[in-house]
Amino acid sequence: GVDAQSVRIVATERLLVIAGDRKRPKVAGRVYQQMEIETGPFQRQVRL
């Protein structure tokens, strides 16, 4: 559910940082009964 264009990757010799944003699609008239799919900006750091 993440658009590849929103993904940013930065690397050094011992660290990898992956960041981006997973957005919830906006649909007019949608009323949620249940919301479990997590959305929003993210960042993960991986020590190599």
All heavy atoms as atom14 arrays in JSON, in Angstrom:
{
  "sequence": "GVDAQSVRIVATERLLVIAGDRKRPKVAGRVYQQMEIETGPFQRQVRL",
  "atom14_mask": [
    [1, 1, 1, 1, 0, 0, 0, 0, 0, 0, 0, 0, 0, 0],
    [1, 1, 1, 1, 1, 1, 1, 0, 0, 0, 0, 0, 0, 0],
    [1, 1, 1, 1, 1, 1, 1, 1, 0, 0, 0, 0, 0, 0],
    [1, 1, 1, 1, 1, 0, 0, 0, 0, 0, 0, 0, 0, 0],
    [1, 1, 1, 1, 1, 1, 1, 1, 1, 0, 0, 0, 0, 0],
    [1, 1, 1, 1, 1, 1, 0, 0, 0, 0, 0, 0, 0, 0],
    [1, 1, 1, 1, 1, 1, 1, 0, 0, 0, 0, 0, 0, 0],
    [1, 1, 1, 1, 1, 1, 1, 1, 1, 1, 1, 0, 0, 0],
    [1, 1, 1, 1, 1, 1, 1, 1, 0, 0, 0, 0, 0, 0],
    [1, 1, 1, 1, 1, 1, 1, 0, 0, 0, 0, 0, 0, 0],
    [1, 1, 1, 1, 1, 0, 0, 0, 0, 0, 0, 0, 0, 0],
    [1, 1, 1, 1, 1, 1, 1, 0, 0, 0, 0, 0, 0, 0],
    [1, 1, 1, 1, 1, 1, 1, 1, 1, 0, 0, 0, 0, 0],
    [1, 1, 1, 1, 1, 1, 1, 1, 1, 1, 1, 0, 0, 0],
    [1, 1, 1, 1, 1, 1, 1, 1, 0, 0, 0, 0, 0, 0],
    [1, 1, 1, 1, 1, 1, 1, 1, 0, 0, 0, 0, 0, 0],
    [1, 1, 1, 1, 1, 1, 1, 0, 0, 0, 0, 0, 0, 0],
    [1, 1, 1, 1, 1, 1, 1, 1, 0, 0, 0, 0, 0, 0],
    [1, 1, 1, 1, 1, 0, 0, 0, 0, 0, 0, 0, 0, 0],
    [1, 1, 1, 1, 0, 0, 0, 0, 0, 0, 0, 0, 0, 0],
    [1, 1, 1, 1, 1, 1, 1, 1, 0, 0, 0, 0, 0, 0],
    [1, 1, 1, 1, 1, 1, 1, 1, 1, 1, 1, 0, 0, 0],
    [1, 1, 1, 1, 1, 1, 1, 1, 1, 0, 0, 0, 0, 0],
    [1, 1, 1, 1, 1, 1, 1, 1, 1, 1, 1, 0, 0, 0],
    [1, 1, 1, 1, 1, 1, 1, 0, 0, 0, 0, 0, 0, 0],
    [1, 1, 1, 1, 1, 1, 1, 1, 1, 0, 0, 0, 0, 0],
    [1, 1, 1, 1, 1, 1, 1, 0, 0, 0, 0, 0, 0, 0],
    [1, 1, 1, 1, 1, 0, 0, 0, 0, 0, 0, 0, 0, 0],
    [1, 1, 1, 1, 0, 0, 0, 0, 0, 0, 0, 0, 0, 0],
    [1, 1, 1, 1, 1, 1, 1, 1, 1, 1, 1, 0, 0, 0],
    [1, 1, 1, 1, 1, 1, 1, 0, 0, 0, 0, 0, 0, 0],
    [1, 1, 1, 1, 1, 1, 1, 1, 1, 1, 1, 1, 0, 0],
    [1, 1, 1, 1, 1, 1, 1, 1, 1, 0, 0, 0, 0, 0],
    [1, 1, 1, 1, 1, 1, 1, 1, 1, 0, 0, 0, 0, 0],
    [1, 1, 1, 1, 1, 1, 1, 1, 0, 0, 0, 0, 0, 0],
    [1, 1, 1, 1, 1, 1, 1, 1, 1, 0, 0, 0, 0, 0],
    [1, 1, 1, 1, 1, 1, 1, 1, 0, 0, 0, 0, 0, 0],
    [1, 1, 1, 1, 1, 1, 1, 1, 1, 0, 0, 0, 0, 0],
    [1, 1, 1, 1, 1, 1, 1, 0, 0, 0, 0, 0, 0, 0],
    [1, 1, 1, 1, 0, 0, 0, 0, 0, 0, 0, 0, 0, 0],
    [1, 1, 1, 1, 1, 1, 1, 0, 0, 0, 0, 0, 0, 0],
    [1, 1, 1, 1, 1, 1, 1, 1, 1, 1, 1, 0, 0, 0],
    [1, 1, 1, 1, 1, 1, 1, 1, 1, 0, 0, 0, 0, 0],
    [1, 1, 1, 1, 1, 1, 1, 1, 1, 1, 1, 0, 0, 0],
    [1, 1, 1, 1, 1, 1, 1, 1, 1, 0, 0, 0, 0, 0],
    [1, 1, 1, 1, 1, 1, 1, 0, 0, 0, 0, 0, 0, 0],
    [1, 1, 1, 1, 1, 1, 1, 1, 1, 1, 1, 0, 0, 0],
    [1, 1, 1, 1, 1, 1, 1, 1, 0, 0, 0, 0, 0, 0]
  ],
  "atom14_positions": [
    [[0.79, -1.23, 0.0], [0.0, 0.0, 0.0], [0.81, 1.27, 0.0], [0.26, 2.36, 0.12], [0.0, 0.0, 0.0], [0.0, 0.0, 0.0], [0.0, 0.0, 0.0], [0.0, 0.0, 0.0], [0.0, 0.0, 0.0], [0.0, 0.0, 0.0], [0.0, 0.0, 0.0], [0.0, 0.0, 0.0], [0.0, 0.0, 0.0], [0.0, 0.0, 0.0]],
    [[2.13, 1.16, -0.15], [3.0, 2.33, -0.17], [3.34, 2.66, -1.62], [3.72, 1.77, -2.39], [4.29, 2.09, 0.65], [5.26, 3.26, 0.5], [3.95, 1.85, 2.11], [0.0, 0.0, 0.0], [0.0, 0.0, 0.0], [0.0, 0.0, 0.0], [0.0, 0.0, 0.0], [0.0, 0.0, 0.0], [0.0, 0.0, 0.0], [0.0, 0.0, 0.0]],
    [[3.21, 3.92, -1.99], [3.6, 4.37, -3.32], [5.13, 4.4, -3.38], [5.78, 5.02, -2.53], [3.02, 5.76, -3.57], [3.38, 6.33, -4.93], [3.99, 5.62, -5.76], [3.04, 7.5, -5.17], [0.0, 0.0, 0.0], [0.0, 0.0, 0.0], [0.0, 0.0, 0.0], [0.0, 0.0, 0.0], [0.0, 0.0, 0.0], [0.0, 0.0, 0.0]],
    [[5.7, 3.75, -4.37], [7.16, 3.69, -4.5], [7.79, 5.07, -4.57], [8.92, 5.26, -4.13], [7.54, 2.88, -5.75], [0.0, 0.0, 0.0], [0.0, 0.0, 0.0], [0.0, 0.0, 0.0], [0.0, 0.0, 0.0], [0.0, 0.0, 0.0], [0.0, 0.0, 0.0], [0.0, 0.0, 0.0], [0.0, 0.0, 0.0], [0.0, 0.0, 0.0]],
    [[7.03, 6.07, -5.08], [7.57, 7.43, -5.19], [7.75, 8.09, -3.83], [8.52, 9.04, -3.7], [6.64, 8.29, -6.06], [6.46, 7.76, -7.47], [7.76, 7.65, -8.22], [8.6, 8.54, -8.17], [7.96, 6.55, -8.92], [0.0, 0.0, 0.0], [0.0, 0.0, 0.0], [0.0, 0.0, 0.0], [0.0, 0.0, 0.0], [0.0, 0.0, 0.0]],
    [[7.07, 7.57, -2.8], [7.2, 8.17, -1.46], [8.36, 7.6, -0.67], [8.69, 8.12, 0.39], [5.9, 8.0, -0.66], [5.83, 6.71, -0.07], [0.0, 0.0, 0.0], [0.0, 0.0, 0.0], [0.0, 0.0, 0.0], [0.0, 0.0, 0.0], [0.0, 0.0, 0.0], [0.0, 0.0, 0.0], [0.0, 0.0, 0.0], [0.0, 0.0, 0.0]],
    [[8.99, 6.54, -1.18], [10.05, 5.86, -0.43], [11.39, 6.56, -0.64], [11.77, 6.87, -1.77], [10.15, 4.38, -0.85], [11.29, 3.69, -0.14], [8.84, 3.66, -0.58], [0.0, 0.0, 0.0], [0.0, 0.0, 0.0], [0.0, 0.0, 0.0], [0.0, 0.0, 0.0], [0.0, 0.0, 0.0], [0.0, 0.0, 0.0], [0.0, 0.0, 0.0]],
    [[12.09, 6.82, 0.47], [13.42, 7.41, 0.44], [14.38, 6.46, 1.14], [14.07, 5.96, 2.23], [13.42, 8.77, 1.13], [12.54, 9.79, 0.44], [12.35, 11.07, 1.22], [11.93, 10.91, 2.62], [10.7, 10.63, 3.03], [9.75, 10.43, 2.17], [10.42, 10.53, 4.32], [0.0, 0.0, 0.0], [0.0, 0.0, 0.0], [0.0, 0.0, 0.0]],
    [[15.53, 6.25, 0.54], [16.53, 5.34, 1.11], [17.85, 6.08, 1.16], [18.31, 6.63, 0.16], [16.71, 4.08, 0.25], [15.36, 3.38, 0.03], [17.7, 3.13, 0.9], [15.41, 2.31, -1.03], [0.0, 0.0, 0.0], [0.0, 0.0, 0.0], [0.0, 0.0, 0.0], [0.0, 0.0, 0.0], [0.0, 0.0, 0.0], [0.0, 0.0, 0.0]],
    [[18.47, 6.09, 2.33], [19.79, 6.69, 2.51], [20.67, 5.66, 3.19], [20.24, 4.99, 4.14], [19.71, 7.99, 3.36], [21.09, 8.56, 3.61], [18.81, 9.02, 2.68], [0.0, 0.0, 0.0], [0.0, 0.0, 0.0], [0.0, 0.0, 0.0], [0.0, 0.0, 0.0], [0.0, 0.0, 0.0], [0.0, 0.0, 0.0], [0.0, 0.0, 0.0]],
    [[21.9, 5.53, 2.7], [22.81, 4.54, 3.26], [24.17, 5.14, 3.54], [24.64, 6.0, 2.8], [22.96, 3.36, 2.3], [0.0, 0.0, 0.0], [0.0, 0.0, 0.0], [0.0, 0.0, 0.0], [0.0, 0.0, 0.0], [0.0, 0.0, 0.0], [0.0, 0.0, 0.0], [0.0, 0.0, 0.0], [0.0, 0.0, 0.0], [0.0, 0.0, 0.0]],
    [[24.77, 4.69, 4.62], [26.18, 4.94, 4.89], [26.84, 3.57, 4.93], [26.19, 2.56, 4.67], [26.38, 5.66, 6.24], [25.98, 4.8, 7.3], [25.61, 6.97, 6.3], [0.0, 0.0, 0.0], [0.0, 0.0, 0.0], [0.0, 0.0, 0.0], [0.0, 0.0, 0.0], [0.0, 0.0, 0.0], [0.0, 0.0, 0.0], [0.0, 0.0, 0.0]],
    [[28.11, 3.53, 5.27], [28.8, 2.24, 5.26], [28.25, 1.24, 6.29], [28.38, 0.05, 6.13], [30.31, 2.42, 5.44], [30.72, 3.05, 6.74], [30.75, 4.57, 6.69], [30.38, 5.17, 5.68], [31.14, 5.16, 7.7], [0.0, 0.0, 0.0], [0.0, 0.0, 0.0], [0.0, 0.0, 0.0], [0.0, 0.0, 0.0], [0.0, 0.0, 0.0]],
    [[27.57, 1.7, 7.34], [27.07, 0.8, 8.38], [25.62, 1.03, 8.77], [25.13, 0.43, 9.72], [27.92, 0.92, 9.65], [29.24, 0.2, 9.63], [28.99, -1.3, 9.59], [30.2, -2.04, 9.7], [30.55, -2.78, 10.74], [29.76, -2.88, 11.78], [31.69, -3.44, 10.75], [0.0, 0.0, 0.0], [0.0, 0.0, 0.0], [0.0, 0.0, 0.0]],
    [[24.9, 1.91, 8.06], [23.53, 2.22, 8.43], [22.67, 2.42, 7.18], [23.1, 3.06, 6.23], [23.48, 3.48, 9.29], [22.11, 3.93, 9.77], [21.55, 2.94, 10.79], [22.2, 5.32, 10.39], [0.0, 0.0, 0.0], [0.0, 0.0, 0.0], [0.0, 0.0, 0.0], [0.0, 0.0, 0.0], [0.0, 0.0, 0.0], [0.0, 0.0, 0.0]],
    [[21.47, 1.86, 7.22], [20.51, 2.02, 6.14], [19.25, 2.63, 6.74], [18.76, 2.16, 7.77], [20.19, 0.66, 5.51], [19.19, 0.65, 4.37], [19.75, 1.37, 3.15], [18.83, -0.78, 4.02], [0.0, 0.0, 0.0], [0.0, 0.0, 0.0], [0.0, 0.0, 0.0], [0.0, 0.0, 0.0], [0.0, 0.0, 0.0], [0.0, 0.0, 0.0]],
    [[18.74, 3.69, 6.13], [17.52, 4.34, 6.6], [16.5, 4.29, 5.46], [16.79, 4.73, 4.35], [17.76, 5.8, 7.02], [16.46, 6.46, 7.47], [18.81, 5.88, 8.12], [0.0, 0.0, 0.0], [0.0, 0.0, 0.0], [0.0, 0.0, 0.0], [0.0, 0.0, 0.0], [0.0, 0.0, 0.0], [0.0, 0.0, 0.0], [0.0, 0.0, 0.0]],
    [[15.32, 3.74, 5.77], [14.23, 3.65, 4.81], [13.08, 4.46, 5.38], [12.66, 4.25, 6.52], [13.78, 2.19, 4.6], [14.96, 1.31, 4.17], [12.67, 2.12, 3.56], [15.36, 0.33, 5.18], [0.0, 0.0, 0.0], [0.0, 0.0, 0.0], [0.0, 0.0, 0.0], [0.0, 0.0, 0.0], [0.0, 0.0, 0.0], [0.0, 0.0, 0.0]],
    [[12.56, 5.41, 4.6], [11.47, 6.26, 5.07], [10.45, 6.43, 3.96], [10.76, 6.26, 2.78], [12.02, 7.62, 5.51], [0.0, 0.0, 0.0], [0.0, 0.0, 0.0], [0.0, 0.0, 0.0], [0.0, 0.0, 0.0], [0.0, 0.0, 0.0], [0.0, 0.0, 0.0], [0.0, 0.0, 0.0], [0.0, 0.0, 0.0], [0.0, 0.0, 0.0]],
    [[9.24, 6.78, 4.35], [8.19, 7.02, 3.38], [6.88, 7.29, 4.08], [6.85, 7.66, 5.25], [0.0, 0.0, 0.0], [0.0, 0.0, 0.0], [0.0, 0.0, 0.0], [0.0, 0.0, 0.0], [0.0, 0.0, 0.0], [0.0, 0.0, 0.0], [0.0, 0.0, 0.0], [0.0, 0.0, 0.0], [0.0, 0.0, 0.0], [0.0, 0.0, 0.0]],
    [[5.8, 7.07, 3.35], [4.48, 7.36, 3.89], [3.46, 6.4, 3.26], [3.48, 6.2, 2.05], [4.09, 8.81, 3.56], [2.91, 9.31, 4.36], [2.5, 8.65, 5.33], [2.39, 10.38, 4.02], [0.0, 0.0, 0.0], [0.0, 0.0, 0.0], [0.0, 0.0, 0.0], [0.0, 0.0, 0.0], [0.0, 0.0, 0.0], [0.0, 0.0, 0.0]],
    [[2.65, 5.78, 4.11], [1.54, 4.96, 3.61], [0.27, 5.73, 3.92], [-0.04, 5.97, 5.09], [1.52, 3.57, 4.25], [0.37, 2.74, 3.69], [0.52, 1.27, 3.91], [0.24, 0.89, 5.28], [0.21, -0.38, 5.7], [0.46, -1.36, 4.86], [-0.05, -0.65, 6.95], [0.0, 0.0, 0.0], [0.0, 0.0, 0.0], [0.0, 0.0, 0.0]],
    [[-0.44, 6.12, 2.87], [-1.64, 6.94, 3.03], [-2.89, 6.09, 2.91], [-2.92, 5.12, 2.18], [-1.65, 8.04, 1.96], [-0.48, 9.0, 2.09], [-0.58, 10.09, 1.05], [0.64, 10.97, 1.06], [0.73, 11.87, 2.14], [0.0, 0.0, 0.0], [0.0, 0.0, 0.0], [0.0, 0.0, 0.0], [0.0, 0.0, 0.0], [0.0, 0.0, 0.0]],
    [[-3.9, 6.5, 3.65], [-5.21, 5.87, 3.55], [-5.93, 6.55, 2.39], [-6.04, 7.77, 2.34], [-5.99, 6.07, 4.84], [-7.32, 5.35, 4.86], [-8.02, 5.44, 6.21], [-7.19, 5.07, 7.34], [-6.91, 3.83, 7.73], [-7.38, 2.81, 7.05], [-6.14, 3.59, 8.77], [0.0, 0.0, 0.0], [0.0, 0.0, 0.0], [0.0, 0.0, 0.0]],
    [[-6.44, 5.75, 1.44], [-7.16, 6.37, 0.32], [-8.38, 7.13, 0.83], [-9.09, 6.66, 1.72], [-7.6, 5.17, -0.53], [-6.78, 4.02, -0.06], [-6.38, 4.31, 1.34], [0.0, 0.0, 0.0], [0.0, 0.0, 0.0], [0.0, 0.0, 0.0], [0.0, 0.0, 0.0], [0.0, 0.0, 0.0], [0.0, 0.0, 0.0], [0.0, 0.0, 0.0]],
    [[-8.59, 8.31, 0.25], [-9.75, 9.12, 0.64], [-10.87, 8.87, -0.35], [-10.69, 9.04, -1.56], [-9.37, 10.59, 0.66], [-8.39, 10.91, 1.76], [-8.18, 12.39, 1.89], [-7.38, 12.67, 3.06], [-6.37, 13.03, 3.52], [0.0, 0.0, 0.0], [0.0, 0.0, 0.0], [0.0, 0.0, 0.0], [0.0, 0.0, 0.0], [0.0, 0.0, 0.0]],
    [[-11.99, 8.43, 0.18], [-13.16, 8.17, -0.66], [-14.33, 8.9, -0.02], [-14.63, 8.71, 1.16], [-13.45, 6.65, -0.76], [-14.71, 6.41, -1.57], [-12.27, 5.91, -1.35], [0.0, 0.0, 0.0], [0.0, 0.0, 0.0], [0.0, 0.0, 0.0], [0.0, 0.0, 0.0], [0.0, 0.0, 0.0], [0.0, 0.0, 0.0], [0.0, 0.0, 0.0]],
    [[-15.0, 9.74, -0.82], [-16.14, 10.5, -0.31], [-17.24, 9.56, 0.16], [-17.52, 8.54, -0.47], [-16.67, 11.43, -1.4], [0.0, 0.0, 0.0], [0.0, 0.0, 0.0], [0.0, 0.0, 0.0], [0.0, 0.0, 0.0], [0.0, 0.0, 0.0], [0.0, 0.0, 0.0], [0.0, 0.0, 0.0], [0.0, 0.0, 0.0], [0.0, 0.0, 0.0]],
    [[-17.84, 9.88, 1.29], [-18.95, 9.11, 1.81], [-18.57, 7.86, 2.58], [-19.44, 7.13, 3.04], [0.0, 0.0, 0.0], [0.0, 0.0, 0.0], [0.0, 0.0, 0.0], [0.0, 0.0, 0.0], [0.0, 0.0, 0.0], [0.0, 0.0, 0.0], [0.0, 0.0, 0.0], [0.0, 0.0, 0.0], [0.0, 0.0, 0.0], [0.0, 0.0, 0.0]],
    [[-17.29, 7.61, 2.72], [-16.83, 6.41, 3.43], [-16.98, 6.61, 4.93], [-16.47, 7.58, 5.49], [-15.37, 6.13, 3.08], [-14.84, 4.86, 3.7], [-13.4, 4.65, 3.31], [-13.31, 4.18, 1.94], [-12.17, 3.9, 1.32], [-11.03, 4.07, 1.94], [-12.17, 3.47, 0.09], [0.0, 0.0, 0.0], [0.0, 0.0, 0.0], [0.0, 0.0, 0.0]],
    [[-17.67, 5.69, 5.59], [-17.81, 5.71, 7.04], [-17.27, 4.38, 7.56], [-17.81, 3.32, 7.25], [-19.29, 5.89, 7.47], [-19.41, 5.86, 8.98], [-19.86, 7.19, 6.91], [0.0, 0.0, 0.0], [0.0, 0.0, 0.0], [0.0, 0.0, 0.0], [0.0, 0.0, 0.0], [0.0, 0.0, 0.0], [0.0, 0.0, 0.0], [0.0, 0.0, 0.0]],
    [[-16.2, 4.46, 8.33], [-15.55, 3.24, 8.79], [-16.3, 2.58, 9.94], [-16.77, 3.25, 10.86], [-14.12, 3.53, 9.25], [-13.15, 3.68, 8.11], [-12.88, 4.92, 7.56], [-12.52, 2.57, 7.58], [-12.0, 5.06, 6.51], [-11.65, 2.69, 6.52], [-11.38, 3.94, 5.99], [-10.52, 4.06, 4.94], [0.0, 0.0, 0.0], [0.0, 0.0, 0.0]],
    [[-16.4, 1.28, 9.87], [-16.9, 0.47, 10.97], [-15.71, -0.03, 11.79], [-15.8, -0.15, 13.0], [-17.69, -0.72, 10.43], [-18.05, -1.74, 11.48], [-18.71, -2.96, 10.86], [-19.51, -2.82, 9.95], [-18.37, -4.12, 11.35], [0.0, 0.0, 0.0], [0.0, 0.0, 0.0], [0.0, 0.0, 0.0], [0.0, 0.0, 0.0], [0.0, 0.0, 0.0]],
    [[-14.61, -0.28, 11.12], [-13.42, -0.82, 11.76], [-12.2, -0.3, 11.01], [-12.21, -0.23, 9.79], [-13.48, -2.35, 11.67], [-12.4, -3.06, 12.44], [-12.72, -4.55, 12.53], [-13.86, -4.97, 12.39], [-11.71, -5.33, 12.79], [0.0, 0.0, 0.0], [0.0, 0.0, 0.0], [0.0, 0.0, 0.0], [0.0, 0.0, 0.0], [0.0, 0.0, 0.0]],
    [[-11.13, 0.05, 11.76], [-9.9, 0.54, 11.15], [-8.72, -0.16, 11.8], [-8.39, 0.13, 12.94], [-9.76, 2.06, 11.31], [-10.73, 2.86, 10.52], [-10.54, 4.64, 10.76], [-9.02, 4.95, 9.93], [0.0, 0.0, 0.0], [0.0, 0.0, 0.0], [0.0, 0.0, 0.0], [0.0, 0.0, 0.0], [0.0, 0.0, 0.0], [0.0, 0.0, 0.0]],
    [[-8.09, -1.07, 11.08], [-6.93, -1.79, 11.6], [-5.69, -1.58, 10.75], [-4.59, -1.86, 11.21], [-7.23, -3.29, 11.69], [-8.28, -3.63, 12.7], [-8.53, -5.12, 12.82], [-7.86, -5.9, 12.11], [-9.38, -5.5, 13.63], [0.0, 0.0, 0.0], [0.0, 0.0, 0.0], [0.0, 0.0, 0.0], [0.0, 0.0, 0.0], [0.0, 0.0, 0.0]],
    [[-5.85, -1.13, 9.53], [-4.71, -0.95, 8.64], [-3.98, 0.31, 9.06], [-4.54, 1.41, 9.06], [-5.16, -0.87, 7.17], [-5.84, -2.19, 6.78], [-3.98, -0.57, 6.26], [-6.5, -2.18, 5.43], [0.0, 0.0, 0.0], [0.0, 0.0, 0.0], [0.0, 0.0, 0.0], [0.0, 0.0, 0.0], [0.0, 0.0, 0.0], [0.0, 0.0, 0.0]],
    [[-2.72, 0.14, 9.43], [-1.93, 1.27, 9.91], [-1.42, 2.09, 8.74], [-0.97, 1.56, 7.73], [-0.77, 0.76, 10.75], [-1.26, 0.05, 12.0], [-0.17, -0.75, 12.68], [0.9, -0.96, 12.1], [-0.42, -1.16, 13.81], [0.0, 0.0, 0.0], [0.0, 0.0, 0.0], [0.0, 0.0, 0.0], [0.0, 0.0, 0.0], [0.0, 0.0, 0.0]],
    [[-1.49, 3.4, 8.9], [-1.03, 4.32, 7.87], [-0.18, 5.4, 8.52], [-0.06, 5.46, 9.74], [-2.23, 4.98, 7.15], [-3.02, 5.68, 8.12], [-3.09, 3.96, 6.42], [0.0, 0.0, 0.0], [0.0, 0.0, 0.0], [0.0, 0.0, 0.0], [0.0, 0.0, 0.0], [0.0, 0.0, 0.0], [0.0, 0.0, 0.0], [0.0, 0.0, 0.0]],
    [[0.4, 6.22, 7.69], [1.18, 7.35, 8.18], [2.63, 7.26, 7.77], [3.06, 6.31, 7.1], [0.0, 0.0, 0.0], [0.0, 0.0, 0.0], [0.0, 0.0, 0.0], [0.0, 0.0, 0.0], [0.0, 0.0, 0.0], [0.0, 0.0, 0.0], [0.0, 0.0, 0.0], [0.0, 0.0, 0.0], [0.0, 0.0, 0.0], [0.0, 0.0, 0.0]],
    [[3.4, 8.26, 8.16], [4.83, 8.26, 7.82], [5.55, 7.17, 8.61], [5.13, 6.8, 9.7], [5.3, 9.65, 8.25], [4.29, 10.14, 9.2], [3.0, 9.44, 8.91], [0.0, 0.0, 0.0], [0.0, 0.0, 0.0], [0.0, 0.0, 0.0], [0.0, 0.0, 0.0], [0.0, 0.0, 0.0], [0.0, 0.0, 0.0], [0.0, 0.0, 0.0]],
    [[6.6, 6.65, 8.02], [7.4, 5.63, 8.69], [8.87, 5.88, 8.42], [9.25, 6.55, 7.47], [7.01, 4.22, 8.23], [7.3, 3.96, 6.77], [8.54, 3.52, 6.34], [6.32, 4.19, 5.82], [8.8, 3.29, 5.01], [6.56, 3.97, 4.47], [7.8, 3.52, 4.07], [0.0, 0.0, 0.0], [0.0, 0.0, 0.0], [0.0, 0.0, 0.0]],
    [[9.69, 5.34, 9.31], [11.15, 5.35, 9.13], [11.71, 4.15, 9.85], [11.39, 3.91, 11.01], [11.77, 6.63, 9.68], [13.29, 6.63, 9.52], [13.92, 7.93, 9.92], [13.52, 8.97, 9.46], [14.9, 7.88, 10.79], [0.0, 0.0, 0.0], [0.0, 0.0, 0.0], [0.0, 0.0, 0.0], [0.0, 0.0, 0.0], [0.0, 0.0, 0.0]],
    [[12.52, 3.38, 9.16], [13.21, 2.25, 9.76], [14.71, 2.44, 9.56], [15.15, 2.82, 8.5], [12.8, 0.92, 9.11], [11.4, 0.44, 9.41], [11.13, 0.13, 10.88], [12.1, -0.72, 11.53], [11.99, -2.03, 11.69], [10.92, -2.66, 11.26], [12.92, -2.71, 12.3], [0.0, 0.0, 0.0], [0.0, 0.0, 0.0], [0.0, 0.0, 0.0]],
    [[15.46, 2.17, 10.61], [16.92, 2.2, 10.53], [17.42, 0.78, 10.71], [16.98, 0.08, 11.62], [17.51, 3.08, 11.63], [17.22, 4.54, 11.46], [17.95, 5.37, 12.5], [18.84, 4.9, 13.19], [17.57, 6.62, 12.61], [0.0, 0.0, 0.0], [0.0, 0.0, 0.0], [0.0, 0.0, 0.0], [0.0, 0.0, 0.0], [0.0, 0.0, 0.0]],
    [[18.33, 0.38, 9.84], [18.92, -0.95, 9.92], [20.42, -0.77, 10.07], [21.08, -0.22, 9.18], [18.6, -1.79, 8.66], [19.24, -3.16, 8.75], [17.09, -1.89, 8.44], [0.0, 0.0, 0.0], [0.0, 0.0, 0.0], [0.0, 0.0, 0.0], [0.0, 0.0, 0.0], [0.0, 0.0, 0.0], [0.0, 0.0, 0.0], [0.0, 0.0, 0.0]],
    [[20.94, -1.19, 11.21], [22.39, -1.18, 11.41], [22.96, -2.4, 10.69], [22.48, -3.51, 10.88], [22.73, -1.22, 12.88], [22.25, 0.01, 13.58], [23.18, 0.42, 14.7], [22.65, 1.6, 15.34], [22.94, 2.84, 14.98], [23.76, 3.05, 13.99], [22.42, 3.86, 15.62], [0.0, 0.0, 0.0], [0.0, 0.0, 0.0], [0.0, 0.0, 0.0]],
    [[23.96, -2.17, 9.87], [24.5, -3.22, 9.03], [25.69, -3.9, 9.7], [26.52, -3.24, 10.32], [24.89, -2.64, 7.67], [23.73, -1.9, 6.96], [24.25, -1.17, 5.75], [22.63, -2.88, 6.6], [0.0, 0.0, 0.0], [0.0, 0.0, 0.0], [0.0, 0.0, 0.0], [0.0, 0.0, 0.0], [0.0, 0.0, 0.0], [0.0, 0.0, 0.0]]
  ]
}
